[in-house]
PDB file of N, CA and C in Angstrom:
ATOM      1  N   MET A   1       0.833  -1.185   0.000  1.00  0.00           N
ATOM      2  CA  MET A   1       0.000   0.000   0.000  1.00  0.00           C
ATOM      3  C   MET A   1       0.876   1.246   0.000  1.00  0.00           C
ATOM      4  N   ILE A   2       0.380   2.249  -0.691  1.00  0.00           N
ATOM      5  CA  ILE A   2       1.104   3.504  -0.772  1.00  0.00           C
ATOM      6  C   ILE A   2       0.153   4.630  -0.396  1.00  0.00           C
ATOM      7  N   GLY A   3       0.668   5.602   0.300  1.00  0.00           N
ATOM      8  CA  GLY A   3      -0.130   6.784   0.619  1.00  0.00           C
ATOM      9  C   GLY A   3      -1.388   6.452   1.387  1.00  0.00           C
ATOM     10  N   GLY A   4      -2.510   6.925   0.902  1.00  0.00           N
ATOM     11  CA  GLY A   4      -3.786   6.780   1.591  1.00  0.00           C
ATOM     12  C   GLY A   4      -4.439   5.438   1.407  1.00  0.00           C
ATOM     13  N   GLY A   5      -3.671   4.367   1.434  1.00  0.00           N
ATOM     14  CA  GLY A   5      -4.239   3.031   1.341  1.00  0.00           C
ATOM     15  C   GLY A   5      -4.487   2.559  -0.078  1.00  0.00           C
ATOM     16  N   THR A   6      -3.851   3.173  -1.038  1.00  0.00           N
ATOM     17  CA  THR A   6      -4.032   2.804  -2.437  1.00  0.00           C
ATOM     18  C   THR A   6      -3.165   1.608  -2.784  1.00  0.00           C
ATOM     19  N   ASN A   7      -3.756   0.590  -3.383  1.00  0.00           N
ATOM     20  CA  ASN A   7      -2.985  -0.556  -3.862  1.00  0.00           C
ATOM     21  C   ASN A   7      -2.483  -0.265  -5.265  1.00  0.00           C
ATOM     22  N   ILE A   8      -1.211  -0.509  -5.471  1.00  0.00           N
ATOM     23  CA  ILE A   8      -0.623  -0.333  -6.793  1.00  0.00           C
ATOM     24  C   ILE A   8      -0.510  -1.712  -7.425  1.00  0.00           C
ATOM     25  N   THR A   9      -1.308  -1.952  -8.430  1.00  0.00           N
ATOM     26  CA  THR A   9      -1.260  -3.232  -9.127  1.00  0.00           C
ATOM     27  C   THR A   9      -0.222  -3.167 -10.239  1.00  0.00           C
ATOM     28  N   PRO A  10       0.264  -4.334 -10.685  1.00  0.00           N
ATOM     29  CA  PRO A  10       1.191  -4.313 -11.824  1.00  0.00           C
ATOM     30  C   PRO A  10       0.579  -3.610 -13.041  1.00  0.00           C
ATOM     31  N   ALA A  11      -0.693  -3.833 -13.302  1.00  0.00           N
ATOM     32  CA  ALA A  11      -1.347  -3.191 -14.456  1.00  0.00           C
ATOM     33  C   ALA A  11      -1.363  -1.671 -14.300  1.00  0.00           C
ATOM     34  N   ALA A  12      -1.639  -1.192 -13.086  1.00  0.00           N
ATOM     35  CA  ALA A  12      -1.652   0.256 -12.846  1.00  0.00           C
ATOM     36  C   ALA A  12      -0.253   0.835 -13.003  1.00  0.00           C
ATOM     37  N   LEU A  13       0.756   0.115 -12.533  1.00  0.00           N
ATOM     38  CA  LEU A  13       2.130   0.578 -12.671  1.00  0.00           C
ATOM     39  C   LEU A  13       2.521   0.661 -14.146  1.00  0.00           C
ATOM     40  N   ILE A  14       2.148  -0.343 -14.916  1.00  0.00           N
ATOM     41  CA  ILE A  14       2.453  -0.352 -16.349  1.00  0.00           C
ATOM     42  C   ILE A  14       1.770   0.820 -17.042  1.00  0.00           C
ATOM     43  N   GLU A  15       0.498   1.044 -16.735  1.00  0.00           N
ATOM     44  CA  GLU A  15      -0.247   2.151 -17.349  1.00  0.00           C
ATOM     45  C   GLU A  15       0.415   3.488 -17.020  1.00  0.00           C
ATOM     46  N   TRP A  16       0.783   3.681 -15.762  1.00  0.00           N
ATOM     47  CA  TRP A  16       1.435   4.916 -15.335  1.00  0.00           C
ATOM     48  C   TRP A  16       2.779   5.096 -16.034  1.00  0.00           C
ATOM     49  N   ALA A  17       3.585   4.026 -16.068  1.00  0.00           N
ATOM     50  CA  ALA A  17       4.916   4.109 -16.671  1.00  0.00           C
ATOM     51  C   ALA A  17       4.831   4.400 -18.165  1.00  0.00           C
ATOM     52  N   GLU A  18       3.882   3.797 -18.850  1.00  0.00           N
ATOM     53  CA  GLU A  18       3.703   4.062 -20.282  1.00  0.00           C
ATOM     54  C   GLU A  18       3.341   5.533 -20.510  1.00  0.00           C
ATOM     55  N   ALA A  19       2.479   6.088 -19.650  1.00  0.00           N
ATOM     56  CA  ALA A  19       2.111   7.502 -19.774  1.00  0.00           C
ATOM     57  C   ALA A  19       3.331   8.397 -19.524  1.00  0.00           C
ATOM     58  N   GLN A  20       4.140   8.033 -18.538  1.00  0.00           N
ATOM     59  CA  GLN A  20       5.355   8.798 -18.264  1.00  0.00           C
ATOM     60  C   GLN A  20       6.308   8.752 -19.454  1.00  0.00           C
ATOM     61  N   LYS A  21       6.428   7.587 -20.078  1.00  0.00           N
ATOM     62  CA  LYS A  21       7.296   7.460 -21.259  1.00  0.00           C
ATOM     63  C   LYS A  21       6.810   8.362 -22.381  1.00  0.00           C
ATOM     64  N   ARG A  22       5.486   8.383 -22.604  1.00  0.00           N
ATOM     65  CA  ARG A  22       4.938   9.247 -23.657  1.00  0.00           C
ATOM     66  C   ARG A  22       5.291  10.711 -23.394  1.00  0.00           C
ATOM     67  N   GLN A  23       5.205  11.127 -22.126  1.00  0.00           N
ATOM     68  CA  GLN A  23       5.558  12.503 -21.782  1.00  0.00           C
ATOM     69  C   GLN A  23       7.035  12.780 -22.052  1.00  0.00           C
ATOM     70  N   LYS A  24       7.893  11.824 -21.725  1.00  0.00           N
ATOM     71  CA  LYS A  24       9.337  11.998 -21.947  1.00  0.00           C
ATOM     72  C   LYS A  24       9.641  12.086 -23.442  1.00  0.00           C
ATOM     73  N   PHE A  25       9.005  11.221 -24.240  1.00  0.00           N
ATOM     74  CA  PHE A  25       9.232  11.252 -25.686  1.00  0.00           C
ATOM     75  C   PHE A  25       8.729  12.570 -26.288  1.00  0.00           C
ATOM     76  N   THR A  26       7.599  13.065 -25.798  1.00  0.00           N
ATOM     77  CA  THR A  26       7.093  14.351 -26.273  1.00  0.00           C
ATOM     78  C   THR A  26       8.079  15.468 -25.945  1.00  0.00           C
ATOM     79  N   TRP A  27       8.618  15.449 -24.726  1.00  0.00           N
ATOM     80  CA  TRP A  27       9.611  16.450 -24.345  1.00  0.00           C
ATOM     81  C   TRP A  27      10.818  16.372 -25.268  1.00  0.00           C
ATOM     82  N   LEU A  28      11.284  15.153 -25.542  1.00  0.00           N
ATOM     83  CA  LEU A  28      12.445  14.995 -26.425  1.00  0.00           C
ATOM     84  C   LEU A  28      12.160  15.522 -27.828  1.00  0.00           C
ATOM     85  N   GLU A  29      10.945  15.285 -28.326  1.00  0.00           N
ATOM     86  CA  GLU A  29      10.578  15.818 -29.638  1.00  0.00           C
ATOM     87  C   GLU A  29      10.586  17.345 -29.627  1.00  0.00           C
ATOM     88  N   ASP A  30      10.086  17.931 -28.541  1.00  0.00           N
ATOM     89  CA  ASP A  30       9.983  19.387 -28.445  1.00  0.00           C
ATOM     90  C   ASP A  30      11.293  20.073 -28.086  1.00  0.00           C
ATOM     91  N   HIS A  31      12.144  19.401 -27.297  1.00  0.00           N
ATOM     92  CA  HIS A  31      13.325  20.067 -26.752  1.00  0.00           C
ATOM     93  C   HIS A  31      14.612  19.272 -26.875  1.00  0.00           C
ATOM     94  N   GLY A  32      14.573  18.121 -27.527  1.00  0.00           N
ATOM     95  CA  GLY A  32      15.769  17.293 -27.672  1.00  0.00           C
ATOM     96  C   GLY A  32      16.782  17.907 -28.618  1.00  0.00           C
ATOM     97  N   PRO A  33      17.902  17.239 -28.806  1.00  0.00           N
ATOM     98  CA  PRO A  33      18.996  17.800 -29.606  1.00  0.00           C
ATOM     99  C   PRO A  33      18.620  18.145 -31.047  1.00  0.00           C
ATOM    100  N   ARG A  34      17.631  17.463 -31.608  1.00  0.00           N
ATOM    101  CA  ARG A  34      17.260  17.706 -33.013  1.00  0.00           C
ATOM    102  C   ARG A  34      16.049  18.622 -33.165  1.00  0.00           C
ATOM    103  N   SER A  35      15.591  19.190 -32.070  1.00  0.00           N
ATOM    104  CA  SER A  35      14.407  20.047 -32.135  1.00  0.00           C
ATOM    105  C   SER A  35      14.801  21.489 -32.495  1.00  0.00           C
ATOM    106  N   LYS A  36      13.789  22.289 -32.766  1.00  0.00           N
ATOM    107  CA  LYS A  36      14.030  23.702 -33.057  1.00  0.00           C
ATOM    108  C   LYS A  36      14.339  24.485 -31.794  1.00  0.00           C
ATOM    109  N   ARG A  37      13.956  23.936 -30.638  1.00  0.00           N
ATOM    110  CA  ARG A  37      14.201  24.597 -29.346  1.00  0.00           C
ATOM    111  C   ARG A  37      14.967  23.660 -28.412  1.00  0.00           C
ATOM    112  N   PRO A  38      16.182  23.286 -28.781  1.00  0.00           N
ATOM    113  CA  PRO A  38      16.906  22.316 -27.947  1.00  0.00           C
ATOM    114  C   PRO A  38      17.257  22.880 -26.573  1.00  0.00           C
ATOM    115  N   ARG A  39      17.314  21.987 -25.623  1.00  0.00           N
ATOM    116  CA  ARG A  39      17.746  22.320 -24.261  1.00  0.00           C
ATOM    117  C   ARG A  39      19.128  21.730 -24.048  1.00  0.00           C
ATOM    118  N   ALA A  40      19.664  21.940 -22.878  1.00  0.00           N
ATOM    119  CA  ALA A  40      20.990  21.423 -22.553  1.00  0.00           C
ATOM    120  C   ALA A  40      21.039  19.910 -22.747  1.00  0.00           C
ATOM    121  N   ALA A  41      22.172  19.423 -23.236  1.00  0.00           N
ATOM    122  CA  ALA A  41      22.326  17.991 -23.508  1.00  0.00           C
ATOM    123  C   ALA A  41      22.042  17.147 -22.274  1.00  0.00           C
ATOM    124  N   GLY A  42      22.411  17.633 -21.121  1.00  0.00           N
ATOM    125  CA  GLY A  42      22.178  16.877 -19.893  1.00  0.00           C
ATOM    126  C   GLY A  42      20.713  16.611 -19.624  1.00  0.00           C
ATOM    127  N   GLU A  43      19.860  17.545 -19.990  1.00  0.00           N
ATOM    128  CA  GLU A  43      18.423  17.355 -19.794  1.00  0.00           C
ATOM    129  C   GLU A  43      17.903  16.219 -20.668  1.00  0.00           C
ATOM    130  N   ALA A  44      18.340  16.175 -21.920  1.00  0.00           N
ATOM    131  CA  ALA A  44      17.910  15.103 -22.814  1.00  0.00           C
ATOM    132  C   ALA A  44      18.434  13.755 -22.318  1.00  0.00           C
ATOM    133  N   GLU A  45      19.670  13.735 -21.850  1.00  0.00           N
ATOM    134  CA  GLU A  45      20.234  12.489 -21.317  1.00  0.00           C
ATOM    135  C   GLU A  45      19.435  12.002 -20.113  1.00  0.00           C
ATOM    136  N   ASN A  46      18.988  12.928 -19.271  1.00  0.00           N
ATOM    137  CA  ASN A  46      18.171  12.548 -18.118  1.00  0.00           C
ATOM    138  C   ASN A  46      16.844  11.941 -18.559  1.00  0.00           C
ATOM    139  N   LYS A  47      16.232  12.512 -19.599  1.00  0.00           N
ATOM    140  CA  LYS A  47      14.969  11.962 -20.099  1.00  0.00           C
ATOM    141  C   LYS A  47      15.176  10.555 -20.659  1.00  0.00           C
ATOM    142  N   LEU A  48      16.276  10.352 -21.368  1.00  0.00           N
ATOM    143  CA  LEU A  48      16.563   9.025 -21.912  1.00  0.00           C
ATOM    144  C   LEU A  48      16.812   8.019 -20.790  1.00  0.00           C
ATOM    145  N   ARG A  49      17.484   8.454 -19.727  1.00  0.00           N
ATOM    146  CA  ARG A  49      17.698   7.578 -18.570  1.00  0.00           C
ATOM    147  C   ARG A  49      16.360   7.257 -17.910  1.00  0.00           C
ATOM    148  N   ASP A  50      15.490   8.261 -17.775  1.00  0.00           N
ATOM    149  CA  ASP A  50      14.162   8.028 -17.205  1.00  0.00           C
ATOM    150  C   ASP A  50      13.395   6.996 -18.024  1.00  0.00           C
ATOM    151  N   ILE A  51      13.460   7.097 -19.339  1.00  0.00           N
ATOM    152  CA  ILE A  51      12.766   6.148 -20.210  1.00  0.00           C
ATOM    153  C   ILE A  51      13.301   4.743 -19.980  1.00  0.00           C
ATOM    154  N   ALA A  52      14.622   4.593 -19.860  1.00  0.00           N
ATOM    155  CA  ALA A  52      15.214   3.277 -19.597  1.00  0.00           C
ATOM    156  C   ALA A  52      14.737   2.732 -18.250  1.00  0.00           C
ATOM    157  N   MET A  53      14.663   3.588 -17.250  1.00  0.00           N
ATOM    158  CA  MET A  53      14.185   3.151 -15.930  1.00  0.00           C
ATOM    159  C   MET A  53      12.705   2.752 -15.996  1.00  0.00           C
ATOM    160  N   LEU A  54      11.917   3.507 -16.734  1.00  0.00           N
ATOM    161  CA  LEU A  54      10.505   3.168 -16.882  1.00  0.00           C
ATOM    162  C   LEU A  54      10.348   1.843 -17.621  1.00  0.00           C
ATOM    163  N   ASP A  55      11.172   1.606 -18.630  1.00  0.00           N
ATOM    164  CA  ASP A  55      11.136   0.311 -19.322  1.00  0.00           C
ATOM    165  C   ASP A  55      11.435  -0.828 -18.351  1.00  0.00           C
ATOM    166  N   ALA A  56      12.395  -0.620 -17.451  1.00  0.00           N
ATOM    167  CA  ALA A  56      12.726  -1.640 -16.452  1.00  0.00           C
ATOM    168  C   ALA A  56      11.557  -1.864 -15.494  1.00  0.00           C
ATOM    169  N   ALA A  57      10.900  -0.779 -15.071  1.00  0.00           N
ATOM    170  CA  ALA A  57       9.762  -0.907 -14.176  1.00  0.00           C
ATOM    171  C   ALA A  57       8.621  -1.658 -14.860  1.00  0.00           C
ATOM    172  N   ILE A  58       8.401  -1.388 -16.132  1.00  0.00           N
ATOM    173  CA  ILE A  58       7.367  -2.095 -16.894  1.00  0.00           C
ATOM    174  C   ILE A  58       7.684  -3.577 -16.979  1.00  0.00           C
ATOM    175  N   ALA A  59       8.941  -3.901 -17.263  1.00  0.00           N
ATOM    176  CA  ALA A  59       9.341  -5.312 -17.357  1.00  0.00           C
ATOM    177  C   ALA A  59       9.136  -6.020 -16.016  1.00  0.00           C
ATOM    178  N   LEU A  60       9.498  -5.372 -14.927  1.00  0.00           N
ATOM    179  CA  LEU A  60       9.300  -5.974 -13.608  1.00  0.00           C
ATOM    180  C   LEU A  60       7.819  -6.153 -13.302  1.00  0.00           C
ATOM    181  N   ALA A  61       7.018  -5.173 -13.642  1.00  0.00           N
ATOM    182  CA  ALA A  61       5.568  -5.268 -13.392  1.00  0.00           C
ATOM    183  C   ALA A  61       4.943  -6.375 -14.224  1.00  0.00           C
ATOM    184  N   ARG A  62       5.377  -6.510 -15.453  1.00  0.00           N
ATOM    185  CA  ARG A  62       4.849  -7.590 -16.303  1.00  0.00           C
ATOM    186  C   ARG A  62       5.247  -8.949 -15.753  1.00  0.00           C
ATOM    187  N   ALA A  63       6.465  -9.060 -15.247  1.00  0.00           N
ATOM    188  CA  ALA A  63       6.911 -10.330 -14.666  1.00  0.00           C
ATOM    189  C   ALA A  63       6.130 -10.669 -13.399  1.00  0.00           C
ATOM    190  N   ALA A  64       5.684  -9.649 -12.679  1.00  0.00           N
ATOM    191  CA  ALA A  64       4.952  -9.856 -11.442  1.00  0.00           C
ATOM    192  C   ALA A  64       3.477 -10.169 -11.670  1.00  0.00           C
ATOM    193  N   SER A  65       2.990  -9.890 -12.869  1.00  0.00           N
ATOM    194  CA  SER A  65       1.541 -10.101 -13.102  1.00  0.00           C
ATOM    195  C   SER A  65       1.261 -11.449 -13.706  1.00  0.00           C
TER     196      SER A  65
END
């Protein structure tokens, strides 16, 4: 249980992680190195690391379900 008694199911974790990945990819499209409004390289690297971590969380959640 997390917070106010909410159960986090593997399916809920996967849904959340997929949504987070979509947000990261959108940010990369808007502000990544090849965009018209690029940000610092470190920011893009952090987003790519976040995506890798989310992929790992999805894999773990799928294995648990």
